[in-house]
Amino acid sequence: MSGDATILLGAIENGDPKAADQLLPLVYQELRQLAASRMAREAAGQTLQPTALVHEAWLRLVDNESQTFQNRAHFFGAAAEAMRRILIERARRRQAVRHGGGQQRVEFEHLELPFQGDDDQLLAVDDALEQLAVAHPAEAQVVKLRYFIGLTHEEVADALGLSVRTVKSYWAHARAWMFQAITQAAR
């Protein structure tokens, strides 16, 4: 994100209604690439497209008047959180009984069932991430950026202002911690 974007983030914070319209073209492509990376890991039959995920996240970011962005890291952290919440809400909605939760979608063209368990896995990861955020908030930020947006270790380090070595350490610990939390919850 360029210096212009940082200035526009400040203008949004100060209530300039035109600033959000000027910021979107500067960050759109990067947000779309992040969303596409995340959506590539979603289950077969996923109807949400990366463009729609970016647009929904963008609306949540700019419509929240109490939201302020201090810098690039803060902005992309907020974007990661918005995308995570959107994906979690969709997973919970799909599992709700009134929306056919527990039923399997059949693709008549190929007569195959889509991969099962992705919603369950996503919800389990979210529950473990909530627990991790209480115990280790910095590691939870790393997980959000790596798992939900698909940033590399280097990109996470840059976004959070950490060393790559620290990010790798946080990522390794968070994965082990979350694996244990998910395993214990499944028992």
C-alpha atoms as a PDB file:
ATOM      1  CA  MET A   1       0.000   0.000   0.000  1.00  0.00           C
ATOM      2  CA  SER A   2       1.474   3.331  -1.005  1.00  0.00           C
ATOM      3  CA  GLY A   3       1.835   6.540   0.960  1.00  0.00           C
ATOM      4  CA  ASP A   4      -1.275   7.836  -0.797  1.00  0.00           C
ATOM      5  CA  ALA A   5      -3.248   4.993   0.698  1.00  0.00           C
ATOM      6  CA  THR A   6      -1.960   5.821   4.166  1.00  0.00           C
ATOM      7  CA  ILE A   7      -3.103   9.416   3.697  1.00  0.00           C
ATOM      8  CA  LEU A   8      -6.502   8.192   2.515  1.00  0.00           C
ATOM      9  CA  LEU A   9      -6.795   5.930   5.568  1.00  0.00           C
ATOM     10  CA  GLY A  10      -6.307   9.025   7.722  1.00  0.00           C
ATOM     11  CA  ALA A  11      -8.921  10.901   5.680  1.00  0.00           C
ATOM     12  CA  ILE A  12     -11.402   8.057   6.190  1.00  0.00           C
ATOM     13  CA  GLU A  13     -10.708   8.229   9.907  1.00  0.00           C
ATOM     14  CA  ASN A  14     -11.437  11.966   9.822  1.00  0.00           C
ATOM     15  CA  GLY A  15     -14.783  11.348   8.136  1.00  0.00           C
ATOM     16  CA  ASP A  16     -13.975  12.315   4.531  1.00  0.00           C
ATOM     17  CA  PRO A  17     -16.738  10.594   2.521  1.00  0.00           C
ATOM     18  CA  LYS A  18     -14.711  10.634  -0.729  1.00  0.00           C
ATOM     19  CA  ALA A  19     -11.619   9.021   0.765  1.00  0.00           C
ATOM     20  CA  ALA A  20     -13.058   5.481   0.776  1.00  0.00           C
ATOM     21  CA  ASP A  21     -13.906   5.762  -2.926  1.00  0.00           C
ATOM     22  CA  GLN A  22     -10.347   6.880  -3.637  1.00  0.00           C
ATOM     23  CA  LEU A  23      -8.784   4.169  -1.455  1.00  0.00           C
ATOM     24  CA  LEU A  24     -10.581   1.195  -2.992  1.00  0.00           C
ATOM     25  CA  PRO A  25      -8.769   1.303  -6.366  1.00  0.00           C
ATOM     26  CA  LEU A  26      -5.418   1.456  -4.545  1.00  0.00           C
ATOM     27  CA  VAL A  27      -6.000  -1.660  -2.425  1.00  0.00           C
ATOM     28  CA  TYR A  28      -8.585  -3.585  -4.453  1.00  0.00           C
ATOM     29  CA  GLN A  29      -6.210  -5.782  -6.454  1.00  0.00           C
ATOM     30  CA  GLU A  30      -4.220  -6.801  -3.386  1.00  0.00           C
ATOM     31  CA  LEU A  31      -7.407  -7.587  -1.438  1.00  0.00           C
ATOM     32  CA  ARG A  32      -8.772  -9.577  -4.387  1.00  0.00           C
ATOM     33  CA  GLN A  33      -5.568 -11.631  -4.633  1.00  0.00           C
ATOM     34  CA  LEU A  34      -5.749 -12.361  -0.919  1.00  0.00           C
ATOM     35  CA  ALA A  35      -9.413 -13.373  -1.198  1.00  0.00           C
ATOM     36  CA  ALA A  36      -8.725 -15.559  -4.250  1.00  0.00           C
ATOM     37  CA  SER A  37      -5.939 -17.297  -2.358  1.00  0.00           C
ATOM     38  CA  ARG A  38      -8.280 -17.987   0.542  1.00  0.00           C
ATOM     39  CA  MET A  39     -11.187 -19.072  -1.641  1.00  0.00           C
ATOM     40  CA  ALA A  40      -8.982 -21.575  -3.493  1.00  0.00           C
ATOM     41  CA  ARG A  41      -8.888 -23.594  -0.262  1.00  0.00           C
ATOM     42  CA  GLU A  42     -12.675 -23.659   0.122  1.00  0.00           C
ATOM     43  CA  ALA A  43     -14.821 -26.728  -0.501  1.00  0.00           C
ATOM     44  CA  ALA A  44     -16.120 -27.741  -3.900  1.00  0.00           C
ATOM     45  CA  GLY A  45     -19.502 -26.200  -4.580  1.00  0.00           C
ATOM     46  CA  GLN A  46     -18.585 -22.944  -2.855  1.00  0.00           C
ATOM     47  CA  THR A  47     -20.758 -20.194  -4.293  1.00  0.00           C
ATOM     48  CA  LEU A  48     -18.928 -17.241  -2.794  1.00  0.00           C
ATOM     49  CA  GLN A  49     -16.481 -15.730  -5.261  1.00  0.00           C
ATOM     50  CA  PRO A  50     -13.322 -13.792  -4.309  1.00  0.00           C
ATOM     51  CA  THR A  51     -14.790 -10.583  -5.732  1.00  0.00           C
ATOM     52  CA  ALA A  52     -17.890 -10.947  -3.570  1.00  0.00           C
ATOM     53  CA  LEU A  53     -15.741 -11.690  -0.504  1.00  0.00           C
ATOM     54  CA  VAL A  54     -13.671  -8.544  -1.121  1.00  0.00           C
ATOM     55  CA  HIS A  55     -16.768  -6.415  -1.655  1.00  0.00           C
ATOM     56  CA  GLU A  56     -18.467  -7.697   1.491  1.00  0.00           C
ATOM     57  CA  ALA A  57     -15.282  -7.189   3.529  1.00  0.00           C
ATOM     58  CA  TRP A  58     -14.833  -3.708   2.059  1.00  0.00           C
ATOM     59  CA  LEU A  59     -18.381  -2.724   3.003  1.00  0.00           C
ATOM     60  CA  ARG A  60     -17.808  -3.915   6.540  1.00  0.00           C
ATOM     61  CA  LEU A  61     -14.559  -1.963   6.763  1.00  0.00           C
ATOM     62  CA  VAL A  62     -15.796   1.383   5.447  1.00  0.00           C
ATOM     63  CA  ASP A  63     -19.344   1.259   6.850  1.00  0.00           C
ATOM     64  CA  ASN A  64     -18.047   0.869  10.405  1.00  0.00           C
ATOM     65  CA  GLU A  65     -17.711   4.491  11.491  1.00  0.00           C
ATOM     66  CA  SER A  66     -15.916   3.534  14.683  1.00  0.00           C
ATOM     67  CA  GLN A  67     -13.208   1.704  12.675  1.00  0.00           C
ATOM     68  CA  THR A  68      -9.910   3.535  12.345  1.00  0.00           C
ATOM     69  CA  PHE A  69      -6.793   2.363  10.545  1.00  0.00           C
ATOM     70  CA  GLN A  70      -3.432   3.336  11.942  1.00  0.00           C
ATOM     71  CA  ASN A  71      -1.283   1.848   9.192  1.00  0.00           C
ATOM     72  CA  ARG A  72      -1.031  -0.823   6.501  1.00  0.00           C
ATOM     73  CA  ALA A  73      -0.751  -3.653   9.012  1.00  0.00           C
ATOM     74  CA  HIS A  74      -3.823  -2.504  10.870  1.00  0.00           C
ATOM     75  CA  PHE A  75      -5.825  -2.134   7.650  1.00  0.00           C
ATOM     76  CA  PHE A  76      -4.943  -5.601   6.345  1.00  0.00           C
ATOM     77  CA  GLY A  77      -5.483  -7.087   9.800  1.00  0.00           C
ATOM     78  CA  ALA A  78      -8.979  -5.609   9.796  1.00  0.00           C
ATOM     79  CA  ALA A  79      -9.539  -6.919   6.264  1.00  0.00           C
ATOM     80  CA  ALA A  80      -8.417 -10.401   7.347  1.00  0.00           C
ATOM     81  CA  GLU A  81     -10.783 -10.295  10.305  1.00  0.00           C
ATOM     82  CA  ALA A  82     -13.677  -9.145   8.092  1.00  0.00           C
ATOM     83  CA  MET A  83     -13.032 -11.955   5.588  1.00  0.00           C
ATOM     84  CA  ARG A  84     -12.729 -14.490   8.398  1.00  0.00           C
ATOM     85  CA  ARG A  85     -16.038 -13.422   9.900  1.00  0.00           C
ATOM     86  CA  ILE A  86     -17.778 -13.577   6.529  1.00  0.00           C
ATOM     87  CA  LEU A  87     -16.518 -17.122   5.908  1.00  0.00           C
ATOM     88  CA  ILE A  88     -17.456 -18.235   9.438  1.00  0.00           C
ATOM     89  CA  GLU A  89     -20.948 -16.729   9.136  1.00  0.00           C
ATOM     90  CA  ARG A  90     -21.458 -18.522   5.813  1.00  0.00           C
ATOM     91  CA  ALA A  91     -20.270 -21.831   7.292  1.00  0.00           C
ATOM     92  CA  ARG A  92     -22.610 -21.485  10.266  1.00  0.00           C
ATOM     93  CA  ARG A  93     -25.504 -20.519   7.995  1.00  0.00           C
ATOM     94  CA  ARG A  94     -24.920 -23.566   5.767  1.00  0.00           C
ATOM     95  CA  GLN A  95     -24.948 -25.835   8.803  1.00  0.00           C
ATOM     96  CA  ALA A  96     -28.127 -24.374  10.250  1.00  0.00           C
ATOM     97  CA  VAL A  97     -31.004 -26.834  10.027  1.00  0.00           C
ATOM     98  CA  ARG A  98     -33.317 -24.311   8.387  1.00  0.00           C
ATOM     99  CA  HIS A  99     -30.740 -23.884   5.609  1.00  0.00           C
ATOM    100  CA  GLY A 100     -30.287 -27.604   5.042  1.00  0.00           C
ATOM    101  CA  GLY A 101     -27.554 -28.145   7.624  1.00  0.00           C
ATOM    102  CA  GLY A 102     -26.437 -31.730   7.807  1.00  0.00           C
ATOM    103  CA  GLN A 103     -27.593 -32.421   4.260  1.00  0.00           C
ATOM    104  CA  GLN A 104     -25.220 -33.150   1.447  1.00  0.00           C
ATOM    105  CA  ARG A 105     -25.284 -31.390  -1.892  1.00  0.00           C
ATOM    106  CA  VAL A 106     -25.398 -33.715  -4.889  1.00  0.00           C
ATOM    107  CA  GLU A 107     -23.910 -32.530  -8.182  1.00  0.00           C
ATOM    108  CA  PHE A 108     -26.114 -34.285 -10.709  1.00  0.00           C
ATOM    109  CA  GLU A 109     -23.778 -33.563 -13.594  1.00  0.00           C
ATOM    110  CA  HIS A 110     -20.934 -35.567 -12.052  1.00  0.00           C
ATOM    111  CA  LEU A 111     -22.899 -37.566  -9.475  1.00  0.00           C
ATOM    112  CA  GLU A 112     -20.250 -36.910  -6.851  1.00  0.00           C
ATOM    113  CA  LEU A 113     -20.552 -35.532  -3.359  1.00  0.00           C
ATOM    114  CA  PRO A 114     -18.436 -32.483  -2.573  1.00  0.00           C
ATOM    115  CA  PHE A 115     -15.722 -32.801   0.036  1.00  0.00           C
ATOM    116  CA  GLN A 116     -17.424 -33.189   3.407  1.00  0.00           C
ATOM    117  CA  GLY A 117     -16.345 -31.574   6.637  1.00  0.00           C
ATOM    118  CA  ASP A 118     -15.017 -28.240   5.387  1.00  0.00           C
ATOM    119  CA  ASP A 119     -17.653 -26.271   7.295  1.00  0.00           C
ATOM    120  CA  ASP A 120     -17.017 -28.380  10.381  1.00  0.00           C
ATOM    121  CA  GLN A 121     -13.273 -27.845   9.970  1.00  0.00           C
ATOM    122  CA  LEU A 122     -13.674 -24.106   9.447  1.00  0.00           C
ATOM    123  CA  LEU A 123     -15.864 -23.778  12.541  1.00  0.00           C
ATOM    124  CA  ALA A 124     -13.443 -25.877  14.598  1.00  0.00           C
ATOM    125  CA  VAL A 125     -10.552 -23.681  13.458  1.00  0.00           C
ATOM    126  CA  ASP A 126     -12.556 -20.571  14.338  1.00  0.00           C
ATOM    127  CA  ASP A 127     -13.365 -21.873  17.828  1.00  0.00           C
ATOM    128  CA  ALA A 128      -9.715 -22.756  18.417  1.00  0.00           C
ATOM    129  CA  LEU A 129      -8.654 -19.370  17.045  1.00  0.00           C
ATOM    130  CA  GLU A 130     -10.951 -17.588  19.496  1.00  0.00           C
ATOM    131  CA  GLN A 131      -9.298 -19.510  22.342  1.00  0.00           C
ATOM    132  CA  LEU A 132      -5.831 -18.788  20.940  1.00  0.00           C
ATOM    133  CA  ALA A 133      -6.631 -15.062  20.721  1.00  0.00           C
ATOM    134  CA  VAL A 134      -7.289 -15.004  24.451  1.00  0.00           C
ATOM    135  CA  ALA A 135      -4.081 -16.849  25.335  1.00  0.00           C
ATOM    136  CA  HIS A 136      -1.770 -15.564  22.564  1.00  0.00           C
ATOM    137  CA  PRO A 137      -3.202 -12.550  20.679  1.00  0.00           C
ATOM    138  CA  ALA A 138      -0.143 -11.954  18.476  1.00  0.00           C
ATOM    139  CA  GLU A 139      -0.121 -15.574  17.343  1.00  0.00           C
ATOM    140  CA  ALA A 140      -3.829 -15.356  16.575  1.00  0.00           C
ATOM    141  CA  GLN A 141      -3.110 -12.388  14.279  1.00  0.00           C
ATOM    142  CA  VAL A 142      -0.515 -14.467  12.447  1.00  0.00           C
ATOM    143  CA  VAL A 143      -3.042 -17.293  12.009  1.00  0.00           C
ATOM    144  CA  LYS A 144      -5.679 -14.910  10.651  1.00  0.00           C
ATOM    145  CA  LEU A 145      -3.310 -13.515   8.063  1.00  0.00           C
ATOM    146  CA  ARG A 146      -1.804 -16.897   7.095  1.00  0.00           C
ATOM    147  CA  TYR A 147      -4.887 -19.140   7.226  1.00  0.00           C
ATOM    148  CA  PHE A 148      -7.735 -16.833   6.308  1.00  0.00           C
ATOM    149  CA  ILE A 149      -5.981 -14.590   3.793  1.00  0.00           C
ATOM    150  CA  GLY A 150      -3.080 -16.789   2.709  1.00  0.00           C
ATOM    151  CA  LEU A 151      -0.194 -14.385   3.245  1.00  0.00           C
ATOM    152  CA  THR A 152       3.330 -15.788   3.243  1.00  0.00           C
ATOM    153  CA  HIS A 153       5.560 -15.619   6.327  1.00  0.00           C
ATOM    154  CA  GLU A 154       7.340 -12.635   4.770  1.00  0.00           C
ATOM    155  CA  GLU A 155       4.084 -10.800   4.018  1.00  0.00           C
ATOM    156  CA  VAL A 156       2.807 -11.406   7.556  1.00  0.00           C
ATOM    157  CA  ALA A 157       6.090 -10.151   8.997  1.00  0.00           C
ATOM    158  CA  ASP A 158       5.837  -7.008   6.886  1.00  0.00           C
ATOM    159  CA  ALA A 159       2.173  -6.427   7.735  1.00  0.00           C
ATOM    160  CA  LEU A 160       2.652  -6.902  11.488  1.00  0.00           C
ATOM    161  CA  GLY A 161       6.095  -5.345  11.777  1.00  0.00           C
ATOM    162  CA  LEU A 162       7.676  -8.567  13.031  1.00  0.00           C
ATOM    163  CA  SER A 163      10.714 -10.512  11.922  1.00  0.00           C
ATOM    164  CA  VAL A 164      10.171 -13.486   9.626  1.00  0.00           C
ATOM    165  CA  ARG A 165      11.729 -15.718  12.270  1.00  0.00           C
ATOM    166  CA  THR A 166       9.204 -14.519  14.870  1.00  0.00           C
ATOM    167  CA  VAL A 167       6.317 -15.090  12.458  1.00  0.00           C
ATOM    168  CA  LYS A 168       7.525 -18.635  11.732  1.00  0.00           C
ATOM    169  CA  SER A 169       7.840 -19.304  15.457  1.00  0.00           C
ATOM    170  CA  TYR A 170       4.355 -17.916  16.153  1.00  0.00           C
ATOM    171  CA  TRP A 171       2.920 -19.920  13.240  1.00  0.00           C
ATOM    172  CA  ALA A 172       4.499 -23.185  14.434  1.00  0.00           C
ATOM    173  CA  HIS A 173       3.352 -22.679  18.014  1.00  0.00           C
ATOM    174  CA  ALA A 174      -0.149 -21.575  16.961  1.00  0.00           C
ATOM    175  CA  ARG A 175      -0.594 -24.600  14.690  1.00  0.00           C
ATOM    176  CA  ALA A 176       0.422 -27.003  17.461  1.00  0.00           C
ATOM    177  CA  TRP A 177      -1.706 -25.159  20.015  1.00  0.00           C
ATOM    178  CA  MET A 178      -4.752 -25.108  17.745  1.00  0.00           C
ATOM    179  CA  PHE A 179      -4.309 -28.765  16.755  1.00  0.00           C
ATOM    180  CA  GLN A 180      -4.402 -29.711  20.411  1.00  0.00           C
ATOM    181  CA  ALA A 181      -7.453 -27.502  21.032  1.00  0.00           C
ATOM    182  CA  ILE A 182      -9.324 -28.972  18.055  1.00  0.00           C
ATOM    183  CA  THR A 183      -8.383 -32.527  19.003  1.00  0.00           C
ATOM    184  CA  GLN A 184      -9.577 -32.036  22.585  1.00  0.00           C
ATOM    185  CA  ALA A 185     -12.838 -30.448  21.397  1.00  0.00           C
ATOM    186  CA  ALA A 186     -13.507 -33.413  19.096  1.00  0.00           C
ATOM    187  CA  ARG A 187     -13.355 -35.909  21.970  1.00  0.00           C
END
